[in-house]
């Protein structure tokens, strides 16, 4: 029986995947990359948490591009938690309102200027389960992935996708850093680790090592 379970929510802003990772024994959960932009999407998260009797312990951003953190303010106010991210991404959080304008979003977005910091080697505990923080810059300077060694899954935001990788032409992007991080940090994980990306379908480390054309 897995220590941690995952629920995926696909939301409309750039097809973002938002995840709720939770412990079935303690009922503690982490909301990862909240991308909700309307009442229907916010209700989907709230209903799942209520239905399963979960306690929101963490709000985690793999990085601070707008689609991955536009729901932060709602989650923080609703559940009384503070966002967690790598400090190197605060430069992106501080220009969220500018990101919204760049993508032509028709609503106000609050900048993120303060987070609880997560860095390489940190461990997030949920009941008996643990998420290990891996720092892989390149798509964003402070981009992190969350690795559950026991349950063999990786939530990796916009680092590695099925047959693709994160774009590197946005502010703070660097292709070589991204490719090196994937090879040296992600491709060293077991082949049967399931990868849950920020967009699109899940894949495995082994599949991407064998056939991803961008690395």
N, C-alpha and C. Protein backbone atom coordinates (compact mmCIF):
# COMPACT_ATOMS: atom_id res chain seq x y z
N UNK A 1 0.85 -1.19 0.00
CA UNK A 1 0.00 0.00 0.00
C UNK A 1 0.88 1.24 0.00
N UNK A 2 0.64 2.19 -0.89
CA UNK A 2 1.51 3.38 -0.96
C UNK A 2 1.38 4.25 0.28
N UNK A 3 2.50 4.88 0.64
CA UNK A 3 2.47 5.85 1.74
C UNK A 3 1.72 7.10 1.34
N UNK A 4 1.93 7.52 0.09
CA UNK A 4 1.32 8.73 -0.41
C UNK A 4 0.52 8.45 -1.68
N UNK A 5 -0.59 9.14 -1.82
CA UNK A 5 -1.43 9.04 -3.00
C UNK A 5 -1.46 10.38 -3.72
N UNK A 6 -1.79 10.33 -5.01
CA UNK A 6 -1.79 11.54 -5.84
C UNK A 6 -3.13 11.71 -6.53
N UNK A 7 -3.65 12.91 -6.49
CA UNK A 7 -4.82 13.28 -7.29
C UNK A 7 -4.39 14.39 -8.24
N UNK A 8 -4.74 14.25 -9.51
CA UNK A 8 -4.37 15.25 -10.51
C UNK A 8 -5.60 16.01 -10.96
N UNK A 9 -5.46 17.33 -11.10
CA UNK A 9 -6.52 18.20 -11.59
C UNK A 9 -5.99 18.97 -12.79
N UNK A 10 -6.67 18.86 -13.92
CA UNK A 10 -6.29 19.59 -15.10
C UNK A 10 -7.08 20.88 -15.22
N UNK A 11 -6.41 22.01 -15.17
CA UNK A 11 -7.09 23.30 -15.18
C UNK A 11 -6.82 24.06 -16.48
N UNK A 12 -7.62 25.08 -16.72
CA UNK A 12 -7.69 25.66 -18.06
C UNK A 12 -6.53 26.58 -18.42
N UNK A 13 -5.84 27.16 -17.43
CA UNK A 13 -4.77 28.09 -17.74
C UNK A 13 -3.55 27.32 -18.27
N UNK A 14 -3.35 27.34 -19.58
CA UNK A 14 -2.24 26.65 -20.24
C UNK A 14 -2.24 25.15 -19.98
N UNK A 15 -3.40 24.59 -19.68
CA UNK A 15 -3.49 23.14 -19.45
C UNK A 15 -2.65 22.67 -18.28
N UNK A 16 -2.66 23.44 -17.20
CA UNK A 16 -1.82 23.15 -16.05
C UNK A 16 -2.33 21.94 -15.27
N UNK A 17 -1.39 21.10 -14.84
CA UNK A 17 -1.71 20.01 -13.91
C UNK A 17 -1.44 20.48 -12.49
N UNK A 18 -2.48 20.48 -11.67
CA UNK A 18 -2.34 20.74 -10.24
C UNK A 18 -2.47 19.41 -9.51
N UNK A 19 -1.63 19.19 -8.52
CA UNK A 19 -1.65 17.91 -7.80
C UNK A 19 -1.96 18.11 -6.32
N UNK A 20 -2.72 17.15 -5.78
CA UNK A 20 -2.87 17.03 -4.34
C UNK A 20 -2.23 15.71 -3.95
N UNK A 21 -1.18 15.78 -3.16
CA UNK A 21 -0.50 14.59 -2.65
C UNK A 21 -0.89 14.43 -1.19
N UNK A 22 -1.33 13.24 -0.84
CA UNK A 22 -1.87 13.09 0.52
C UNK A 22 -1.54 11.73 1.12
N UNK A 23 -1.50 11.74 2.45
CA UNK A 23 -1.28 10.53 3.23
C UNK A 23 -2.63 9.95 3.63
N UNK A 24 -2.83 8.69 3.31
CA UNK A 24 -4.11 8.07 3.65
C UNK A 24 -4.23 7.79 5.15
N UNK A 25 -3.09 7.74 5.86
CA UNK A 25 -3.17 7.49 7.30
C UNK A 25 -3.34 8.77 8.11
N UNK A 26 -2.51 9.78 7.85
CA UNK A 26 -2.59 11.01 8.64
C UNK A 26 -3.60 12.01 8.07
N UNK A 27 -3.96 11.84 6.78
CA UNK A 27 -4.85 12.76 6.06
C UNK A 27 -4.20 14.11 5.79
N UNK A 28 -2.90 14.23 6.02
CA UNK A 28 -2.19 15.45 5.66
C UNK A 28 -1.99 15.50 4.16
N UNK A 29 -2.03 16.70 3.60
CA UNK A 29 -1.85 16.80 2.15
C UNK A 29 -1.04 18.03 1.79
N UNK A 30 -0.48 17.99 0.58
CA UNK A 30 0.19 19.13 -0.02
C UNK A 30 -0.50 19.45 -1.34
N UNK A 31 -0.78 20.71 -1.56
CA UNK A 31 -1.30 21.17 -2.84
C UNK A 31 -0.12 21.71 -3.63
N UNK A 32 0.10 21.16 -4.83
CA UNK A 32 1.28 21.49 -5.61
C UNK A 32 0.86 22.18 -6.91
N UNK A 33 1.40 23.38 -7.11
CA UNK A 33 1.16 24.17 -8.32
C UNK A 33 -0.32 24.47 -8.57
N UNK A 34 -0.95 25.24 -7.69
CA UNK A 34 -2.37 25.54 -7.85
C UNK A 34 -2.62 26.47 -9.05
N UNK A 35 -3.32 25.95 -10.05
CA UNK A 35 -3.54 26.72 -11.28
C UNK A 35 -4.99 27.10 -11.50
N UNK A 36 -5.77 27.18 -10.43
CA UNK A 36 -7.20 27.47 -10.57
C UNK A 36 -7.41 28.95 -10.89
N UNK A 37 -8.33 29.23 -11.82
CA UNK A 37 -8.59 30.63 -12.17
C UNK A 37 -10.06 31.01 -12.08
N UNK A 38 -10.94 30.08 -11.70
CA UNK A 38 -12.35 30.42 -11.58
C UNK A 38 -12.98 29.61 -10.45
N UNK A 39 -14.24 29.92 -10.14
CA UNK A 39 -14.91 29.27 -9.01
C UNK A 39 -15.07 27.77 -9.22
N UNK A 40 -15.33 27.35 -10.45
CA UNK A 40 -15.49 25.92 -10.72
C UNK A 40 -14.21 25.16 -10.42
N UNK A 41 -13.07 25.72 -10.83
CA UNK A 41 -11.80 25.04 -10.59
C UNK A 41 -11.42 25.07 -9.11
N UNK A 42 -11.68 26.18 -8.45
CA UNK A 42 -11.41 26.23 -7.01
C UNK A 42 -12.29 25.24 -6.25
N UNK A 43 -13.53 25.10 -6.68
CA UNK A 43 -14.45 24.17 -6.03
C UNK A 43 -14.01 22.72 -6.21
N UNK A 44 -13.40 22.41 -7.34
CA UNK A 44 -12.92 21.05 -7.57
C UNK A 44 -11.89 20.64 -6.53
N UNK A 45 -10.97 21.55 -6.22
CA UNK A 45 -9.97 21.28 -5.19
C UNK A 45 -10.63 21.19 -3.82
N UNK A 46 -11.46 22.16 -3.50
CA UNK A 46 -12.10 22.19 -2.18
C UNK A 46 -12.95 20.94 -1.94
N UNK A 47 -13.70 20.52 -2.94
CA UNK A 47 -14.56 19.36 -2.79
C UNK A 47 -13.75 18.09 -2.55
N UNK A 48 -12.63 17.97 -3.26
CA UNK A 48 -11.79 16.78 -3.07
C UNK A 48 -11.22 16.75 -1.65
N UNK A 49 -10.75 17.87 -1.18
CA UNK A 49 -10.18 17.94 0.17
C UNK A 49 -11.24 17.64 1.21
N UNK A 50 -12.43 18.20 1.04
CA UNK A 50 -13.50 17.96 2.00
C UNK A 50 -13.98 16.51 1.96
N UNK A 51 -14.18 15.99 0.77
CA UNK A 51 -14.69 14.62 0.62
C UNK A 51 -13.76 13.60 1.26
N UNK A 52 -12.45 13.84 1.16
CA UNK A 52 -11.48 12.88 1.68
C UNK A 52 -10.99 13.22 3.09
N UNK A 53 -11.57 14.26 3.68
CA UNK A 53 -11.20 14.64 5.04
C UNK A 53 -9.75 15.03 5.20
N UNK A 54 -9.21 15.73 4.20
CA UNK A 54 -7.79 16.05 4.22
C UNK A 54 -7.50 17.35 4.97
N UNK A 55 -6.28 17.41 5.50
CA UNK A 55 -5.78 18.61 6.18
C UNK A 55 -4.64 19.18 5.34
N UNK A 56 -4.82 20.40 4.85
CA UNK A 56 -3.80 21.00 4.00
C UNK A 56 -2.63 21.46 4.87
N UNK A 57 -1.49 20.78 4.69
CA UNK A 57 -0.30 21.09 5.48
C UNK A 57 0.68 21.97 4.70
N UNK A 58 0.72 21.80 3.39
CA UNK A 58 1.69 22.53 2.57
C UNK A 58 1.05 23.04 1.28
N UNK A 59 1.55 24.16 0.82
CA UNK A 59 1.31 24.68 -0.52
C UNK A 59 2.67 24.83 -1.17
N UNK A 60 2.91 24.06 -2.23
CA UNK A 60 4.24 23.99 -2.83
C UNK A 60 4.17 24.40 -4.30
N UNK A 61 5.11 25.24 -4.70
CA UNK A 61 5.25 25.60 -6.11
C UNK A 61 6.54 25.00 -6.65
N UNK A 62 6.44 24.24 -7.73
CA UNK A 62 7.66 23.75 -8.36
C UNK A 62 8.47 24.91 -8.92
N UNK A 63 7.78 25.96 -9.35
CA UNK A 63 8.42 27.20 -9.78
C UNK A 63 7.35 28.28 -9.84
N UNK A 64 7.76 29.51 -10.13
CA UNK A 64 6.83 30.63 -10.01
C UNK A 64 6.47 31.27 -11.34
N UNK A 65 6.34 30.47 -12.39
CA UNK A 65 5.64 30.94 -13.58
C UNK A 65 4.15 30.99 -13.26
N UNK A 66 3.46 31.91 -13.88
CA UNK A 66 2.12 32.27 -13.44
C UNK A 66 1.13 31.11 -13.43
N UNK A 67 1.23 30.20 -14.41
CA UNK A 67 0.27 29.11 -14.47
C UNK A 67 0.42 28.15 -13.30
N UNK A 68 1.57 28.13 -12.67
CA UNK A 68 1.82 27.21 -11.56
C UNK A 68 1.55 27.81 -10.19
N UNK A 69 1.25 29.10 -10.15
CA UNK A 69 1.05 29.71 -8.83
C UNK A 69 -0.09 30.72 -8.80
N UNK A 70 -0.88 30.78 -9.86
CA UNK A 70 -1.95 31.78 -9.90
C UNK A 70 -3.01 31.53 -8.82
N UNK A 71 -3.10 30.30 -8.33
CA UNK A 71 -4.05 29.98 -7.27
C UNK A 71 -3.49 30.08 -5.86
N UNK A 72 -2.25 30.54 -5.74
CA UNK A 72 -1.63 30.60 -4.41
C UNK A 72 -2.43 31.41 -3.41
N UNK A 73 -2.84 32.61 -3.81
CA UNK A 73 -3.50 33.50 -2.84
C UNK A 73 -4.79 32.88 -2.33
N UNK A 74 -5.51 32.18 -3.21
CA UNK A 74 -6.75 31.53 -2.77
C UNK A 74 -6.45 30.43 -1.75
N UNK A 75 -5.47 29.57 -2.06
CA UNK A 75 -5.15 28.46 -1.15
C UNK A 75 -4.63 28.99 0.18
N UNK A 76 -3.80 30.02 0.13
CA UNK A 76 -3.26 30.57 1.37
C UNK A 76 -4.36 31.10 2.27
N UNK A 77 -5.31 31.81 1.70
CA UNK A 77 -6.39 32.38 2.50
C UNK A 77 -7.39 31.31 2.95
N UNK A 78 -7.69 30.37 2.08
CA UNK A 78 -8.68 29.34 2.38
C UNK A 78 -8.19 28.37 3.46
N UNK A 79 -6.92 27.98 3.38
CA UNK A 79 -6.42 26.91 4.24
C UNK A 79 -5.35 27.36 5.24
N UNK A 80 -5.00 28.64 5.23
CA UNK A 80 -4.07 29.16 6.24
C UNK A 80 -2.66 28.63 6.12
N UNK A 81 -2.20 28.41 4.89
CA UNK A 81 -0.84 27.95 4.67
C UNK A 81 -0.09 28.99 3.83
N UNK A 82 1.22 28.96 3.94
CA UNK A 82 2.07 29.88 3.19
C UNK A 82 2.77 29.12 2.08
N UNK A 83 2.87 29.73 0.91
CA UNK A 83 3.50 29.07 -0.22
C UNK A 83 4.96 28.74 0.04
N UNK A 84 5.41 27.63 -0.57
CA UNK A 84 6.79 27.17 -0.45
C UNK A 84 7.38 27.08 -1.85
N UNK A 85 8.59 27.61 -2.01
CA UNK A 85 9.27 27.56 -3.31
C UNK A 85 10.75 27.79 -3.09
N UNK A 86 11.53 27.54 -4.14
CA UNK A 86 12.96 27.81 -4.06
C UNK A 86 13.17 29.32 -4.12
N UNK A 87 14.06 29.87 -3.29
CA UNK A 87 14.23 31.33 -3.25
C UNK A 87 14.72 31.92 -4.57
N UNK A 88 15.41 31.14 -5.39
CA UNK A 88 15.90 31.66 -6.67
C UNK A 88 14.77 32.03 -7.62
N UNK A 89 13.56 31.57 -7.33
CA UNK A 89 12.43 31.89 -8.20
C UNK A 89 11.65 33.12 -7.75
N UNK A 90 12.06 33.76 -6.66
CA UNK A 90 11.34 34.95 -6.23
C UNK A 90 11.44 36.08 -7.25
N UNK A 91 12.47 36.06 -8.08
CA UNK A 91 12.55 37.06 -9.14
C UNK A 91 11.38 36.93 -10.11
N UNK A 92 10.89 35.70 -10.31
CA UNK A 92 9.71 35.48 -11.14
C UNK A 92 8.44 35.82 -10.37
N UNK A 93 8.39 35.44 -9.11
CA UNK A 93 7.21 35.75 -8.31
C UNK A 93 6.96 37.24 -8.19
N UNK A 94 8.05 38.02 -8.16
CA UNK A 94 7.90 39.47 -7.99
C UNK A 94 7.36 40.16 -9.23
N UNK A 95 7.30 39.44 -10.36
CA UNK A 95 6.77 40.03 -11.60
C UNK A 95 5.55 39.25 -12.10
N UNK A 96 4.81 38.63 -11.19
CA UNK A 96 3.62 37.88 -11.61
C UNK A 96 2.62 38.77 -12.33
N UNK A 97 2.43 40.00 -11.84
CA UNK A 97 1.49 40.90 -12.50
C UNK A 97 1.95 41.20 -13.93
N UNK A 98 3.25 41.31 -14.12
CA UNK A 98 3.79 41.52 -15.47
C UNK A 98 3.63 40.27 -16.33
N UNK A 99 3.79 39.09 -15.71
CA UNK A 99 3.56 37.83 -16.45
C UNK A 99 2.11 37.77 -16.95
N UNK A 100 1.20 38.19 -16.08
CA UNK A 100 -0.22 38.18 -16.47
C UNK A 100 -0.46 39.08 -17.66
N UNK A 101 0.15 40.24 -17.66
CA UNK A 101 0.00 41.16 -18.78
C UNK A 101 0.62 40.59 -20.04
N UNK A 102 1.78 39.94 -19.91
CA UNK A 102 2.48 39.38 -21.05
C UNK A 102 1.63 38.33 -21.77
N UNK A 103 0.89 37.55 -20.99
CA UNK A 103 0.05 36.50 -21.57
C UNK A 103 -1.39 36.98 -21.82
N UNK A 104 -1.65 38.27 -21.59
CA UNK A 104 -2.95 38.83 -21.89
C UNK A 104 -4.06 38.35 -20.99
N UNK A 105 -3.75 38.02 -19.75
CA UNK A 105 -4.77 37.54 -18.82
C UNK A 105 -5.64 38.71 -18.36
N UNK A 106 -6.95 38.53 -18.38
CA UNK A 106 -7.87 39.65 -18.12
C UNK A 106 -8.24 39.84 -16.65
N UNK A 107 -7.34 39.50 -15.74
CA UNK A 107 -7.65 39.68 -14.33
C UNK A 107 -6.38 40.01 -13.56
N UNK A 108 -6.58 40.58 -12.37
CA UNK A 108 -5.46 41.02 -11.54
C UNK A 108 -4.80 39.82 -10.86
N UNK A 109 -3.49 39.85 -10.80
CA UNK A 109 -2.73 38.79 -10.15
C UNK A 109 -1.77 39.43 -9.14
N UNK A 110 -1.75 38.90 -7.93
CA UNK A 110 -0.86 39.42 -6.90
C UNK A 110 0.55 38.86 -7.07
N UNK A 111 1.56 39.72 -6.95
CA UNK A 111 2.94 39.26 -6.97
C UNK A 111 3.23 38.40 -5.73
N UNK A 112 4.22 37.52 -5.86
CA UNK A 112 4.67 36.70 -4.74
C UNK A 112 6.07 37.18 -4.37
N UNK A 113 6.21 37.76 -3.20
CA UNK A 113 7.49 38.32 -2.78
C UNK A 113 8.06 37.64 -1.54
N UNK A 114 7.32 36.69 -0.97
CA UNK A 114 7.77 36.02 0.25
C UNK A 114 7.25 34.59 0.24
N UNK A 115 8.14 33.62 0.48
CA UNK A 115 7.76 32.21 0.52
C UNK A 115 8.52 31.52 1.66
N UNK A 116 8.02 30.38 2.07
CA UNK A 116 8.83 29.49 2.88
C UNK A 116 9.78 28.76 1.93
N UNK A 117 11.06 28.86 2.19
CA UNK A 117 12.05 28.42 1.21
C UNK A 117 12.23 26.91 1.20
N UNK A 118 12.34 26.37 -0.02
CA UNK A 118 12.68 24.98 -0.24
C UNK A 118 13.96 24.92 -1.06
N UNK A 119 14.88 24.05 -0.66
CA UNK A 119 16.15 23.92 -1.37
C UNK A 119 16.50 22.45 -1.54
N UNK A 120 17.47 22.21 -2.41
CA UNK A 120 17.97 20.86 -2.68
C UNK A 120 18.22 20.11 -1.38
N UNK A 121 17.67 18.90 -1.28
CA UNK A 121 17.90 18.06 -0.11
C UNK A 121 16.86 18.21 0.98
N UNK A 122 16.01 19.22 0.91
CA UNK A 122 14.94 19.35 1.90
C UNK A 122 13.96 18.18 1.75
N UNK A 123 13.29 17.85 2.83
CA UNK A 123 12.33 16.75 2.84
C UNK A 123 10.99 17.25 3.37
N UNK A 124 9.92 16.99 2.61
CA UNK A 124 8.56 17.32 3.01
C UNK A 124 7.91 16.05 3.54
N UNK A 125 7.42 16.08 4.77
CA UNK A 125 6.80 14.90 5.39
C UNK A 125 5.29 15.03 5.40
N UNK A 126 4.64 13.97 4.96
CA UNK A 126 3.17 13.85 5.01
C UNK A 126 2.85 12.48 5.61
N UNK A 127 2.47 12.45 6.87
CA UNK A 127 2.28 11.17 7.52
C UNK A 127 3.57 10.37 7.47
N UNK A 128 3.49 9.11 6.98
CA UNK A 128 4.67 8.28 6.85
C UNK A 128 5.40 8.48 5.53
N UNK A 129 4.88 9.35 4.67
CA UNK A 129 5.47 9.57 3.36
C UNK A 129 6.41 10.77 3.34
N UNK A 130 7.34 10.73 2.39
CA UNK A 130 8.31 11.81 2.29
C UNK A 130 8.50 12.22 0.83
N UNK A 131 8.55 13.53 0.60
CA UNK A 131 8.87 14.10 -0.71
C UNK A 131 10.22 14.77 -0.61
N UNK A 132 11.17 14.32 -1.42
CA UNK A 132 12.52 14.87 -1.42
C UNK A 132 12.64 15.96 -2.48
N UNK A 133 13.21 17.09 -2.11
CA UNK A 133 13.34 18.23 -3.01
C UNK A 133 14.60 18.11 -3.85
N UNK A 134 14.42 18.20 -5.18
CA UNK A 134 15.53 18.19 -6.13
C UNK A 134 15.49 19.50 -6.90
N UNK A 135 16.59 20.22 -6.93
CA UNK A 135 16.67 21.50 -7.63
C UNK A 135 17.20 21.28 -9.04
N UNK A 136 16.39 21.62 -10.04
CA UNK A 136 16.79 21.46 -11.44
C UNK A 136 16.48 22.77 -12.17
N UNK A 137 17.41 23.72 -12.19
CA UNK A 137 17.19 24.97 -12.90
C UNK A 137 17.27 24.78 -14.41
N UNK A 138 16.84 25.80 -15.13
CA UNK A 138 16.92 25.75 -16.59
C UNK A 138 15.64 26.24 -17.23
N UNK A 139 14.50 25.69 -16.82
CA UNK A 139 13.22 26.26 -17.22
C UNK A 139 12.95 27.51 -16.40
N UNK A 140 13.30 27.44 -15.14
CA UNK A 140 13.25 28.58 -14.21
C UNK A 140 14.41 28.42 -13.24
N UNK A 141 14.97 29.52 -12.73
CA UNK A 141 16.17 29.44 -11.89
C UNK A 141 16.00 28.61 -10.63
N UNK A 142 14.81 28.67 -10.03
CA UNK A 142 14.58 27.96 -8.79
C UNK A 142 13.68 26.75 -8.93
N UNK A 143 13.63 26.18 -10.12
CA UNK A 143 12.71 25.07 -10.35
C UNK A 143 13.09 23.85 -9.51
N UNK A 144 12.10 23.27 -8.86
CA UNK A 144 12.32 22.05 -8.07
C UNK A 144 11.41 20.93 -8.56
N UNK A 145 11.82 19.71 -8.25
CA UNK A 145 10.99 18.54 -8.42
C UNK A 145 10.84 17.87 -7.06
N UNK A 146 9.78 17.09 -6.89
CA UNK A 146 9.48 16.42 -5.62
C UNK A 146 9.47 14.92 -5.85
N UNK A 147 10.38 14.21 -5.18
CA UNK A 147 10.60 12.78 -5.42
C UNK A 147 10.21 11.95 -4.22
N UNK A 148 9.31 11.01 -4.44
CA UNK A 148 8.92 10.03 -3.42
C UNK A 148 9.63 8.72 -3.74
N UNK A 149 10.70 8.45 -3.02
CA UNK A 149 11.53 7.26 -3.28
C UNK A 149 10.77 5.98 -3.01
N UNK A 150 9.97 5.95 -1.95
CA UNK A 150 9.28 4.72 -1.57
C UNK A 150 8.15 4.38 -2.54
N UNK A 151 7.38 5.38 -2.93
CA UNK A 151 6.24 5.14 -3.81
C UNK A 151 6.60 5.31 -5.29
N UNK A 152 7.85 5.68 -5.56
CA UNK A 152 8.41 5.73 -6.90
C UNK A 152 7.64 6.67 -7.83
N UNK A 153 7.51 7.92 -7.39
CA UNK A 153 6.97 8.92 -8.30
C UNK A 153 7.71 10.23 -8.14
N UNK A 154 7.63 11.04 -9.19
CA UNK A 154 8.29 12.33 -9.25
C UNK A 154 7.31 13.35 -9.79
N UNK A 155 7.08 14.43 -9.06
CA UNK A 155 6.29 15.56 -9.55
C UNK A 155 7.30 16.61 -9.97
N UNK A 156 7.35 16.91 -11.28
CA UNK A 156 8.50 17.66 -11.77
C UNK A 156 8.15 18.95 -12.51
N UNK A 157 6.91 19.43 -12.38
CA UNK A 157 6.58 20.71 -12.99
C UNK A 157 6.90 20.73 -14.47
N UNK A 158 7.69 21.73 -14.89
CA UNK A 158 8.00 21.91 -16.31
C UNK A 158 9.44 21.54 -16.64
N UNK A 159 9.98 20.54 -15.97
CA UNK A 159 11.34 20.09 -16.26
C UNK A 159 11.32 19.08 -17.40
N UNK A 160 10.64 17.97 -17.17
CA UNK A 160 10.63 16.85 -18.11
C UNK A 160 9.19 16.45 -18.40
N UNK A 161 8.88 16.35 -19.70
CA UNK A 161 7.56 15.94 -20.14
C UNK A 161 7.64 14.63 -20.93
N UNK A 162 6.48 14.08 -21.27
CA UNK A 162 6.45 12.93 -22.15
C UNK A 162 6.95 13.36 -23.53
N UNK A 163 8.15 12.93 -23.87
CA UNK A 163 8.72 13.24 -25.16
C UNK A 163 9.19 14.66 -25.33
N UNK A 164 9.35 15.41 -24.26
CA UNK A 164 9.74 16.81 -24.39
C UNK A 164 10.37 17.28 -23.08
N UNK A 165 10.78 18.55 -23.07
CA UNK A 165 11.31 19.19 -21.87
C UNK A 165 10.73 20.60 -21.77
N UNK A 166 10.96 21.26 -20.66
CA UNK A 166 10.46 22.61 -20.48
C UNK A 166 11.15 23.60 -21.41
N UNK A 167 10.43 24.63 -21.81
CA UNK A 167 11.01 25.65 -22.66
C UNK A 167 12.03 26.46 -21.89
N UNK A 168 13.01 27.00 -22.60
CA UNK A 168 14.08 27.74 -21.93
C UNK A 168 14.24 29.16 -22.46
N UNK A 169 13.20 29.64 -23.17
CA UNK A 169 13.27 30.98 -23.76
C UNK A 169 12.55 32.03 -22.92
N UNK A 170 12.13 31.68 -21.72
CA UNK A 170 11.50 32.63 -20.81
C UNK A 170 12.56 33.22 -19.87
N UNK A 171 12.25 34.32 -19.17
CA UNK A 171 13.25 34.92 -18.27
C UNK A 171 13.80 33.90 -17.27
N UNK A 172 15.12 33.85 -17.18
CA UNK A 172 15.78 32.92 -16.27
C UNK A 172 16.03 31.55 -16.86
N UNK A 173 15.64 31.33 -18.11
CA UNK A 173 15.80 30.03 -18.73
C UNK A 173 17.22 29.78 -19.23
N UNK A 174 17.62 28.50 -19.24
CA UNK A 174 18.95 28.14 -19.74
C UNK A 174 18.91 26.67 -20.16
N UNK A 175 19.03 26.43 -21.45
CA UNK A 175 18.89 25.05 -21.96
C UNK A 175 19.93 24.12 -21.36
N UNK A 176 21.19 24.54 -21.33
CA UNK A 176 22.24 23.63 -20.86
C UNK A 176 22.04 23.25 -19.41
N UNK A 177 21.63 24.22 -18.58
CA UNK A 177 21.35 23.90 -17.18
C UNK A 177 20.23 22.87 -17.06
N UNK A 178 19.19 23.05 -17.89
CA UNK A 178 18.05 22.13 -17.84
C UNK A 178 18.46 20.73 -18.28
N UNK A 179 19.16 20.64 -19.42
CA UNK A 179 19.58 19.34 -19.92
C UNK A 179 20.51 18.64 -18.94
N UNK A 180 21.46 19.39 -18.38
CA UNK A 180 22.39 18.78 -17.41
C UNK A 180 21.66 18.30 -16.17
N UNK A 181 20.70 19.08 -15.70
CA UNK A 181 19.95 18.68 -14.51
C UNK A 181 19.12 17.43 -14.75
N UNK A 182 18.52 17.34 -15.92
CA UNK A 182 17.73 16.15 -16.24
C UNK A 182 18.62 14.91 -16.26
N UNK A 183 19.75 15.02 -16.94
CA UNK A 183 20.65 13.87 -17.08
C UNK A 183 21.27 13.48 -15.73
N UNK A 184 21.73 14.47 -15.00
CA UNK A 184 22.51 14.18 -13.79
C UNK A 184 21.67 13.95 -12.54
N UNK A 185 20.43 14.47 -12.54
CA UNK A 185 19.61 14.33 -11.33
C UNK A 185 18.37 13.47 -11.54
N UNK A 186 17.70 13.62 -12.68
CA UNK A 186 16.46 12.86 -12.89
C UNK A 186 16.74 11.50 -13.54
N UNK A 187 17.62 11.46 -14.52
CA UNK A 187 17.89 10.20 -15.21
C UNK A 187 18.72 9.24 -14.37
N UNK A 188 19.14 9.67 -13.19
CA UNK A 188 19.81 8.76 -12.25
C UNK A 188 18.80 8.07 -11.33
N UNK A 189 17.53 8.47 -11.41
CA UNK A 189 16.49 7.80 -10.63
C UNK A 189 16.13 6.46 -11.30
N UNK A 190 15.50 5.54 -10.58
CA UNK A 190 15.14 4.25 -11.18
C UNK A 190 14.21 4.42 -12.39
N UNK A 191 14.36 3.52 -13.36
CA UNK A 191 13.58 3.60 -14.60
C UNK A 191 12.09 3.53 -14.36
N UNK A 192 11.66 2.84 -13.30
CA UNK A 192 10.22 2.65 -13.09
C UNK A 192 9.57 3.76 -12.26
N UNK A 193 10.29 4.85 -12.03
CA UNK A 193 9.70 6.01 -11.36
C UNK A 193 8.72 6.68 -12.32
N UNK A 194 7.49 6.89 -11.85
CA UNK A 194 6.48 7.58 -12.65
C UNK A 194 6.68 9.08 -12.53
N UNK A 195 6.66 9.76 -13.67
CA UNK A 195 6.84 11.20 -13.72
C UNK A 195 5.48 11.87 -13.94
N UNK A 196 5.11 12.74 -13.01
CA UNK A 196 3.88 13.53 -13.12
C UNK A 196 4.26 14.96 -13.46
N UNK A 197 4.11 15.37 -14.73
CA UNK A 197 4.57 16.69 -15.16
C UNK A 197 3.55 17.79 -14.94
N UNK A 198 3.99 19.02 -15.18
CA UNK A 198 3.12 20.17 -15.01
C UNK A 198 2.09 20.34 -16.11
N UNK A 199 2.31 19.68 -17.24
CA UNK A 199 1.38 19.72 -18.37
C UNK A 199 1.43 18.36 -19.06
N UNK A 200 0.30 17.92 -19.58
CA UNK A 200 0.30 16.68 -20.35
C UNK A 200 0.23 15.43 -19.50
N UNK A 201 0.54 14.30 -20.15
CA UNK A 201 0.36 12.99 -19.54
C UNK A 201 1.58 12.55 -18.74
N UNK A 202 1.34 11.64 -17.82
CA UNK A 202 2.43 11.07 -17.04
C UNK A 202 3.30 10.18 -17.93
N UNK A 203 4.53 9.97 -17.47
CA UNK A 203 5.47 9.13 -18.20
C UNK A 203 6.34 8.43 -17.16
N UNK A 204 7.46 7.85 -17.58
CA UNK A 204 8.39 7.22 -16.65
C UNK A 204 9.81 7.69 -16.96
N UNK A 205 10.66 7.60 -15.96
CA UNK A 205 12.06 7.95 -16.17
C UNK A 205 12.66 7.08 -17.26
N UNK A 206 12.40 5.78 -17.21
CA UNK A 206 12.97 4.87 -18.20
C UNK A 206 12.56 5.20 -19.62
N UNK A 207 11.31 5.53 -19.82
CA UNK A 207 10.81 5.86 -21.15
C UNK A 207 11.50 7.11 -21.69
N UNK A 208 11.66 8.12 -20.83
CA UNK A 208 12.27 9.36 -21.30
C UNK A 208 13.78 9.20 -21.51
N UNK A 209 14.45 8.40 -20.70
CA UNK A 209 15.86 8.13 -20.93
C UNK A 209 16.08 7.47 -22.28
N UNK A 210 15.14 6.62 -22.66
CA UNK A 210 15.30 5.85 -23.89
C UNK A 210 14.94 6.65 -25.13
N UNK A 211 13.93 7.53 -25.04
CA UNK A 211 13.38 8.07 -26.28
C UNK A 211 13.17 9.59 -26.33
N UNK A 212 13.48 10.31 -25.24
CA UNK A 212 13.25 11.76 -25.28
C UNK A 212 14.27 12.41 -26.21
N UNK A 213 13.82 13.10 -27.27
CA UNK A 213 14.75 13.62 -28.28
C UNK A 213 15.46 14.90 -27.88
N UNK A 214 15.09 15.52 -26.74
CA UNK A 214 15.61 16.83 -26.38
C UNK A 214 16.74 16.77 -25.36
N UNK A 215 17.07 15.57 -24.90
CA UNK A 215 18.11 15.43 -23.87
C UNK A 215 19.20 14.50 -24.38
